[in-house]
PDB file of N, CA and C in Angstrom:
ATOM      1  N   MET A   1       6.868  25.974-119.085  1.00  0.00           N
ATOM      2  CA  MET A   1       6.438  24.607-119.042  1.00  0.00           C
ATOM      3  C   MET A   1       7.295  23.750-117.989  1.00  0.00           C
ATOM      4  N   SER A   2       8.481  24.141-117.728  1.00  0.00           N
ATOM      5  CA  SER A   2       9.253  23.357-116.797  1.00  0.00           C
ATOM      6  C   SER A   2       8.767  23.459-115.399  1.00  0.00           C
ATOM      7  N   LYS A   3       8.132  24.685-115.101  1.00  0.00           N
ATOM      8  CA  LYS A   3       7.510  24.795-113.831  1.00  0.00           C
ATOM      9  C   LYS A   3       6.367  23.888-113.537  1.00  0.00           C
ATOM     10  N   ARG A   4       5.687  23.520-114.583  1.00  0.00           N
ATOM     11  CA  ARG A   4       4.590  22.615-114.571  1.00  0.00           C
ATOM     12  C   ARG A   4       5.106  21.199-114.216  1.00  0.00           C
ATOM     13  N   TYR A   5       6.192  20.821-114.847  1.00  0.00           N
ATOM     14  CA  TYR A   5       6.760  19.487-114.579  1.00  0.00           C
ATOM     15  C   TYR A   5       7.391  19.474-113.165  1.00  0.00           C
ATOM     16  N   LEU A   6       7.925  20.518-112.774  1.00  0.00           N
ATOM     17  CA  LEU A   6       8.436  20.584-111.386  1.00  0.00           C
ATOM     18  C   LEU A   6       7.337  20.430-110.305  1.00  0.00           C
ATOM     19  N   ILE A   7       6.226  20.948-110.562  1.00  0.00           N
ATOM     20  CA  ILE A   7       5.017  20.889-109.627  1.00  0.00           C
ATOM     21  C   ILE A   7       4.567  19.391-109.683  1.00  0.00           C
ATOM     22  N   MET A   8       4.470  18.761-110.917  1.00  0.00           N
ATOM     23  CA  MET A   8       3.948  17.410-111.062  1.00  0.00           C
ATOM     24  C   MET A   8       5.020  16.440-110.346  1.00  0.00           C
ATOM     25  N   ALA A   9       6.279  16.688-110.533  1.00  0.00           N
ATOM     26  CA  ALA A   9       7.293  15.787-109.938  1.00  0.00           C
ATOM     27  C   ALA A   9       7.224  15.862-108.406  1.00  0.00           C
ATOM     28  N   THR A  10       7.028  17.189-107.885  1.00  0.00           N
ATOM     29  CA  THR A  10       6.923  17.336-106.494  1.00  0.00           C
ATOM     30  C   THR A  10       5.706  16.655-105.889  1.00  0.00           C
ATOM     31  N   ALA A  11       4.608  16.700-106.628  1.00  0.00           N
ATOM     32  CA  ALA A  11       3.371  16.054-106.103  1.00  0.00           C
ATOM     33  C   ALA A  11       3.595  14.550-106.146  1.00  0.00           C
ATOM     34  N   LEU A  12       4.189  13.990-107.121  1.00  0.00           N
ATOM     35  CA  LEU A  12       4.400  12.614-107.202  1.00  0.00           C
ATOM     36  C   LEU A  12       5.335  12.127-106.069  1.00  0.00           C
ATOM     37  N   TYR A  13       6.356  12.917-105.815  1.00  0.00           N
ATOM     38  CA  TYR A  13       7.318  12.580-104.768  1.00  0.00           C
ATOM     39  C   TYR A  13       6.586  12.595-103.386  1.00  0.00           C
ATOM     40  N   LEU A  14       5.759  13.651-103.140  1.00  0.00           N
ATOM     41  CA  LEU A  14       5.120  13.753-101.828  1.00  0.00           C
ATOM     42  C   LEU A  14       4.064  12.669-101.724  1.00  0.00           C
ATOM     43  N   SER A  15       3.454  12.214-102.833  1.00  0.00           N
ATOM     44  CA  SER A  15       2.373  11.152-102.731  1.00  0.00           C
ATOM     45  C   SER A  15       3.132   9.830-102.400  1.00  0.00           C
ATOM     46  N   LEU A  16       4.292   9.662-102.833  1.00  0.00           N
ATOM     47  CA  LEU A  16       5.039   8.335-102.672  1.00  0.00           C
ATOM     48  C   LEU A  16       5.789   8.367-101.353  1.00  0.00           C
ATOM     49  N   LEU A  17       5.961   9.484-100.688  1.00  0.00           N
ATOM     50  CA  LEU A  17       6.743   9.504 -99.490  1.00  0.00           C
ATOM     51  C   LEU A  17       6.299   8.626 -98.365  1.00  0.00           C
ATOM     52  N   PRO A  18       4.970   8.648 -98.097  1.00  0.00           N
ATOM     53  CA  PRO A  18       4.478   7.774 -96.964  1.00  0.00           C
ATOM     54  C   PRO A  18       4.777   6.275 -97.275  1.00  0.00           C
ATOM     55  N   ILE A  19       4.642   5.833 -98.529  1.00  0.00           N
ATOM     56  CA  ILE A  19       4.949   4.448 -98.879  1.00  0.00           C
ATOM     57  C   ILE A  19       6.422   4.084 -98.627  1.00  0.00           C
ATOM     58  N   THR A  20       7.242   5.013 -99.040  1.00  0.00           N
ATOM     59  CA  THR A  20       8.752   4.761 -98.787  1.00  0.00           C
ATOM     60  C   THR A  20       9.135   4.758 -97.331  1.00  0.00           C
ATOM     61  N   LEU A  21       8.457   5.601 -96.578  1.00  0.00           N
ATOM     62  CA  LEU A  21       8.707   5.604 -95.152  1.00  0.00           C
ATOM     63  C   LEU A  21       8.211   4.345 -94.433  1.00  0.00           C
ATOM     64  N   GLY A  22       7.080   3.794 -95.008  1.00  0.00           N
ATOM     65  CA  GLY A  22       6.576   2.529 -94.471  1.00  0.00           C
ATOM     66  C   GLY A  22       7.569   1.389 -94.629  1.00  0.00           C
ATOM     67  N   PHE A  23       8.271   1.371 -95.833  1.00  0.00           N
ATOM     68  CA  PHE A  23       9.257   0.363 -96.071  1.00  0.00           C
ATOM     69  C   PHE A  23      10.478   0.502 -95.187  1.00  0.00           C
ATOM     70  N   ALA A  24      10.828   1.762 -94.902  1.00  0.00           N
ATOM     71  CA  ALA A  24      11.953   2.049 -94.079  1.00  0.00           C
ATOM     72  C   ALA A  24      11.698   1.559 -92.628  1.00  0.00           C
ATOM     73  N   GLY A  25      10.512   1.586 -92.172  1.00  0.00           N
ATOM     74  CA  GLY A  25      10.247   1.177 -90.810  1.00  0.00           C
ATOM     75  C   GLY A  25       9.938  -0.276 -90.683  1.00  0.00           C
ATOM     76  N   ALA A  26       9.895  -0.986 -91.778  1.00  0.00           N
ATOM     77  CA  ALA A  26       9.769  -2.482 -91.752  1.00  0.00           C
ATOM     78  C   ALA A  26      10.910  -3.142 -91.047  1.00  0.00           C
ATOM     79  N   PRO A  27      10.655  -4.181 -90.253  1.00  0.00           N
ATOM     80  CA  PRO A  27      11.715  -4.827 -89.580  1.00  0.00           C
ATOM     81  C   PRO A  27      12.568  -5.607 -90.569  1.00  0.00           C
ATOM     82  N   ASP A  28      13.878  -5.639 -90.304  1.00  0.00           N
ATOM     83  CA  ASP A  28      14.790  -6.299 -91.141  1.00  0.00           C
ATOM     84  C   ASP A  28      15.017  -7.714 -90.592  1.00  0.00           C
ATOM     85  N   THR A  29      14.272  -8.701 -91.157  1.00  0.00           N
ATOM     86  CA  THR A  29      14.367 -10.096 -90.623  1.00  0.00           C
ATOM     87  C   THR A  29      15.673 -10.728 -91.002  1.00  0.00           C
ATOM     88  N   ALA A  30      16.409 -10.227 -92.016  1.00  0.00           N
ATOM     89  CA  ALA A  30      17.686 -10.866 -92.397  1.00  0.00           C
ATOM     90  C   ALA A  30      18.733 -10.547 -91.432  1.00  0.00           C
ATOM     91  N   ALA A  31      18.659  -9.444 -90.661  1.00  0.00           N
ATOM     92  CA  ALA A  31      19.676  -9.047 -89.701  1.00  0.00           C
ATOM     93  C   ALA A  31      19.563  -9.868 -88.374  1.00  0.00           C
ATOM     94  N   GLN A  32      18.550 -10.599 -88.139  1.00  0.00           N
ATOM     95  CA  GLN A  32      18.360 -11.369 -86.931  1.00  0.00           C
ATOM     96  C   GLN A  32      19.258 -12.584 -87.014  1.00  0.00           C
ATOM     97  N   ALA A  33      20.015 -12.776 -85.966  1.00  0.00           N
ATOM     98  CA  ALA A  33      20.963 -13.916 -85.975  1.00  0.00           C
ATOM     99  C   ALA A  33      20.169 -15.264 -85.546  1.00  0.00           C
ATOM    100  N   ALA A  34      20.537 -16.349 -86.232  1.00  0.00           N
ATOM    101  CA  ALA A  34      19.865 -17.593 -85.853  1.00  0.00           C
ATOM    102  C   ALA A  34      20.470 -18.109 -84.586  1.00  0.00           C
ATOM    103  N   PRO A  35      19.724 -18.822 -83.729  1.00  0.00           N
ATOM    104  CA  PRO A  35      20.201 -19.297 -82.535  1.00  0.00           C
ATOM    105  C   PRO A  35      21.292 -20.388 -82.789  1.00  0.00           C
ATOM    106  N   LEU A  36      22.347 -20.362 -81.882  1.00  0.00           N
ATOM    107  CA  LEU A  36      23.398 -21.320 -82.049  1.00  0.00           C
ATOM    108  C   LEU A  36      22.951 -22.735 -81.647  1.00  0.00           C
ATOM    109  N   PRO A  37      23.328 -23.685 -82.462  1.00  0.00           N
ATOM    110  CA  PRO A  37      22.876 -25.038 -82.093  1.00  0.00           C
ATOM    111  C   PRO A  37      23.558 -25.636 -80.861  1.00  0.00           C
ATOM    112  N   SER A  38      24.688 -25.079 -80.555  1.00  0.00           N
ATOM    113  CA  SER A  38      25.425 -25.556 -79.276  1.00  0.00           C
ATOM    114  C   SER A  38      24.838 -24.994 -77.980  1.00  0.00           C
ATOM    115  N   ALA A  39      23.909 -24.077 -78.050  1.00  0.00           N
ATOM    116  CA  ALA A  39      23.275 -23.502 -76.878  1.00  0.00           C
ATOM    117  C   ALA A  39      22.111 -24.376 -76.488  1.00  0.00           C
ATOM    118  N   ALA A  40      22.308 -25.586 -76.056  1.00  0.00           N
ATOM    119  CA  ALA A  40      21.302 -26.499 -75.780  1.00  0.00           C
ATOM    120  C   ALA A  40      20.911 -26.501 -74.232  1.00  0.00           C
ATOM    121  N   SER A  41      21.687 -25.817 -73.473  1.00  0.00           N
ATOM    122  CA  SER A  41      21.358 -25.830 -71.994  1.00  0.00           C
ATOM    123  C   SER A  41      19.994 -25.109 -71.740  1.00  0.00           C
ATOM    124  N   GLY A  42      19.348 -25.417 -70.607  1.00  0.00           N
ATOM    125  CA  GLY A  42      18.153 -24.742 -70.271  1.00  0.00           C
ATOM    126  C   GLY A  42      18.166 -23.273 -70.018  1.00  0.00           C
ATOM    127  N   ASP A  43      19.348 -22.820 -69.489  1.00  0.00           N
ATOM    128  CA  ASP A  43      19.552 -21.375 -69.243  1.00  0.00           C
ATOM    129  C   ASP A  43      19.578 -20.636 -70.555  1.00  0.00           C
ATOM    130  N   ALA A  44      20.317 -21.156 -71.496  1.00  0.00           N
ATOM    131  CA  ALA A  44      20.387 -20.461 -72.784  1.00  0.00           C
ATOM    132  C   ALA A  44      19.087 -20.478 -73.484  1.00  0.00           C
ATOM    133  N   ALA A  45      18.281 -21.570 -73.410  1.00  0.00           N
ATOM    134  CA  ALA A  45      16.948 -21.602 -74.048  1.00  0.00           C
ATOM    135  C   ALA A  45      16.013 -20.585 -73.347  1.00  0.00           C
ATOM    136  N   ALA A  46      16.158 -20.512 -72.017  1.00  0.00           N
ATOM    137  CA  ALA A  46      15.331 -19.509 -71.321  1.00  0.00           C
ATOM    138  C   ALA A  46      15.560 -18.099 -71.749  1.00  0.00           C
ATOM    139  N   LYS A  47      16.894 -17.788 -71.828  1.00  0.00           N
ATOM    140  CA  LYS A  47      17.343 -16.474 -72.258  1.00  0.00           C
ATOM    141  C   LYS A  47      16.824 -16.129 -73.656  1.00  0.00           C
ATOM    142  N   HIS A  48      16.852 -17.136 -74.554  1.00  0.00           N
ATOM    143  CA  HIS A  48      16.461 -16.991 -75.963  1.00  0.00           C
ATOM    144  C   HIS A  48      14.900 -16.702 -75.977  1.00  0.00           C
ATOM    145  N   ALA A  49      14.249 -17.534 -75.194  1.00  0.00           N
ATOM    146  CA  ALA A  49      12.751 -17.376 -75.147  1.00  0.00           C
ATOM    147  C   ALA A  49      12.362 -15.986 -74.582  1.00  0.00           C
ATOM    148  N   LYS A  50      13.058 -15.519 -73.595  1.00  0.00           N
ATOM    149  CA  LYS A  50      12.847 -14.221 -72.943  1.00  0.00           C
ATOM    150  C   LYS A  50      13.132 -13.125 -74.002  1.00  0.00           C
ATOM    151  N   ARG A  51      14.280 -13.200 -74.742  1.00  0.00           N
ATOM    152  CA  ARG A  51      14.561 -12.197 -75.739  1.00  0.00           C
ATOM    153  C   ARG A  51      13.547 -12.186 -76.939  1.00  0.00           C
ATOM    154  N   THR A  52      13.095 -13.357 -77.332  1.00  0.00           N
ATOM    155  CA  THR A  52      12.121 -13.476 -78.376  1.00  0.00           C
ATOM    156  C   THR A  52      10.836 -12.831 -77.946  1.00  0.00           C
ATOM    157  N   ALA A  53      10.374 -13.029 -76.719  1.00  0.00           N
ATOM    158  CA  ALA A  53       9.199 -12.405 -76.275  1.00  0.00           C
ATOM    159  C   ALA A  53       9.353 -10.881 -76.103  1.00  0.00           C
ATOM    160  N   CYS A  54      10.537 -10.419 -75.839  1.00  0.00           N
ATOM    161  CA  CYS A  54      10.824  -8.960 -75.761  1.00  0.00           C
ATOM    162  C   CYS A  54      10.787  -8.387 -77.127  1.00  0.00           C
ATOM    163  N   LEU A  55      11.368  -9.123 -78.126  1.00  0.00           N
ATOM    164  CA  LEU A  55      11.319  -8.667 -79.512  1.00  0.00           C
ATOM    165  C   LEU A  55       9.939  -8.561 -80.032  1.00  0.00           C
ATOM    166  N   LYS A  56       9.133  -9.570 -79.737  1.00  0.00           N
ATOM    167  CA  LYS A  56       7.710  -9.533 -80.221  1.00  0.00           C
ATOM    168  C   LYS A  56       6.925  -8.404 -79.561  1.00  0.00           C
ATOM    169  N   GLU A  57       7.251  -8.077 -78.325  1.00  0.00           N
ATOM    170  CA  GLU A  57       6.606  -6.927 -77.664  1.00  0.00           C
ATOM    171  C   GLU A  57       7.056  -5.598 -78.258  1.00  0.00           C
ATOM    172  N   ALA A  58       8.330  -5.532 -78.483  1.00  0.00           N
ATOM    173  CA  ALA A  58       8.829  -4.370 -79.210  1.00  0.00           C
ATOM    174  C   ALA A  58       8.145  -4.141 -80.547  1.00  0.00           C
ATOM    175  N   LYS A  59       7.956  -5.202 -81.260  1.00  0.00           N
ATOM    176  CA  LYS A  59       7.377  -5.160 -82.595  1.00  0.00           C
ATOM    177  C   LYS A  59       5.930  -4.702 -82.449  1.00  0.00           C
ATOM    178  N   ALA A  60       5.219  -5.230 -81.472  1.00  0.00           N
ATOM    179  CA  ALA A  60       3.803  -4.870 -81.216  1.00  0.00           C
ATOM    180  C   ALA A  60       3.714  -3.362 -80.879  1.00  0.00           C
ATOM    181  N   LYS A  61       4.713  -2.862 -80.191  1.00  0.00           N
ATOM    182  CA  LYS A  61       4.702  -1.416 -79.821  1.00  0.00           C
ATOM    183  C   LYS A  61       5.242  -0.594 -80.964  1.00  0.00           C
ATOM    184  N   LYS A  62       5.688  -1.220 -82.103  1.00  0.00           N
ATOM    185  CA  LYS A  62       6.218  -0.626 -83.251  1.00  0.00           C
ATOM    186  C   LYS A  62       7.416   0.345 -82.988  1.00  0.00           C
ATOM    187  N   LEU A  63       8.341  -0.243 -82.119  1.00  0.00           N
ATOM    188  CA  LEU A  63       9.530   0.507 -81.835  1.00  0.00           C
ATOM    189  C   LEU A  63      10.615   0.127 -82.902  1.00  0.00           C
ATOM    190  N   VAL A  64      11.422   1.113 -83.179  1.00  0.00           N
ATOM    191  CA  VAL A  64      12.486   0.957 -84.137  1.00  0.00           C
ATOM    192  C   VAL A  64      13.741   1.610 -83.704  1.00  0.00           C
ATOM    193  N   GLY A  65      14.910   1.220 -84.210  1.00  0.00           N
ATOM    194  CA  GLY A  65      16.169   1.797 -83.956  1.00  0.00           C
ATOM    195  C   GLY A  65      16.622   1.823 -82.435  1.00  0.00           C
ATOM    196  N   ALA A  66      17.064   2.917 -81.971  1.00  0.00           N
ATOM    197  CA  ALA A  66      17.634   2.982 -80.628  1.00  0.00           C
ATOM    198  C   ALA A  66      16.534   2.748 -79.562  1.00  0.00           C
ATOM    199  N   ALA A  67      15.328   3.160 -79.844  1.00  0.00           N
ATOM    200  CA  ALA A  67      14.235   2.855 -78.907  1.00  0.00           C
ATOM    201  C   ALA A  67      13.993   1.392 -78.733  1.00  0.00           C
ATOM    202  N   LYS A  68      14.094   0.733 -79.811  1.00  0.00           N
ATOM    203  CA  LYS A  68      13.807  -0.800 -79.851  1.00  0.00           C
ATOM    204  C   LYS A  68      15.001  -1.450 -79.092  1.00  0.00           C
ATOM    205  N   THR A  69      16.230  -1.006 -79.415  1.00  0.00           N
ATOM    206  CA  THR A  69      17.349  -1.692 -78.787  1.00  0.00           C
ATOM    207  C   THR A  69      17.359  -1.416 -77.214  1.00  0.00           C
ATOM    208  N   SER A  70      17.016  -0.181 -76.809  1.00  0.00           N
ATOM    209  CA  SER A  70      16.925   0.119 -75.390  1.00  0.00           C
ATOM    210  C   SER A  70      15.830  -0.677 -74.719  1.00  0.00           C
ATOM    211  N   PHE A  71      14.728  -0.694 -75.429  1.00  0.00           N
ATOM    212  CA  PHE A  71      13.536  -1.535 -74.787  1.00  0.00           C
ATOM    213  C   PHE A  71      13.896  -2.956 -74.574  1.00  0.00           C
ATOM    214  N   VAL A  72      14.593  -3.629 -75.585  1.00  0.00           N
ATOM    215  CA  VAL A  72      14.840  -5.049 -75.518  1.00  0.00           C
ATOM    216  C   VAL A  72      15.910  -5.235 -74.442  1.00  0.00           C
ATOM    217  N   LYS A  73      16.884  -4.344 -74.325  1.00  0.00           N
ATOM    218  CA  LYS A  73      17.918  -4.527 -73.237  1.00  0.00           C
ATOM    219  C   LYS A  73      17.219  -4.456 -71.932  1.00  0.00           C
ATOM    220  N   ASN A  74      16.430  -3.467 -71.656  1.00  0.00           N
ATOM    221  CA  ASN A  74      15.656  -3.368 -70.467  1.00  0.00           C
ATOM    222  C   ASN A  74      14.760  -4.464 -70.135  1.00  0.00           C
ATOM    223  N   CYS A  75      14.025  -4.990 -71.197  1.00  0.00           N
ATOM    224  CA  CYS A  75      13.105  -6.031 -71.029  1.00  0.00           C
ATOM    225  C   CYS A  75      13.820  -7.350 -70.634  1.00  0.00           C
ATOM    226  N   VAL A  76      14.935  -7.684 -71.335  1.00  0.00           N
ATOM    227  CA  VAL A  76      15.630  -8.837 -71.092  1.00  0.00           C
ATOM    228  C   VAL A  76      16.301  -8.834 -69.635  1.00  0.00           C
ATOM    229  N   ALA A  77      16.721  -7.623 -69.156  1.00  0.00           N
ATOM    230  CA  ALA A  77      17.355  -7.490 -67.868  1.00  0.00           C
ATOM    231  C   ALA A  77      16.375  -7.729 -66.709  1.00  0.00           C
ATOM    232  N   VAL A  78      15.072  -7.480 -66.962  1.00  0.00           N
ATOM    233  CA  VAL A  78      14.080  -7.647 -65.914  1.00  0.00           C
ATOM    234  C   VAL A  78      13.860  -9.112 -65.730  1.00  0.00           C
ATOM    235  N   PRO A  79      13.934  -9.596 -64.361  1.00  0.00           N
ATOM    236  CA  PRO A  79      13.780 -11.034 -64.018  1.00  0.00           C
ATOM    237  C   PRO A  79      12.414 -11.492 -64.232  1.00  0.00           C
TER     238      PRO A  79
END
């Protein structure tokens, strides 16, 4: 009878796996730093706007981890 429970537990685990992987790929909004209030110059505002646009593009492409970091660095560096 324990073999039956093992099969049922494995089936449950495998059915829930895509859901848990979906949560793991979700963006972590708490890790994003808020803009500094002292960065009121136009240059800082332009850099922030460019980075925000790059982050939105990375999100649209569903990039995560190192791929997202690399993409954002390259995107911000492009004039």
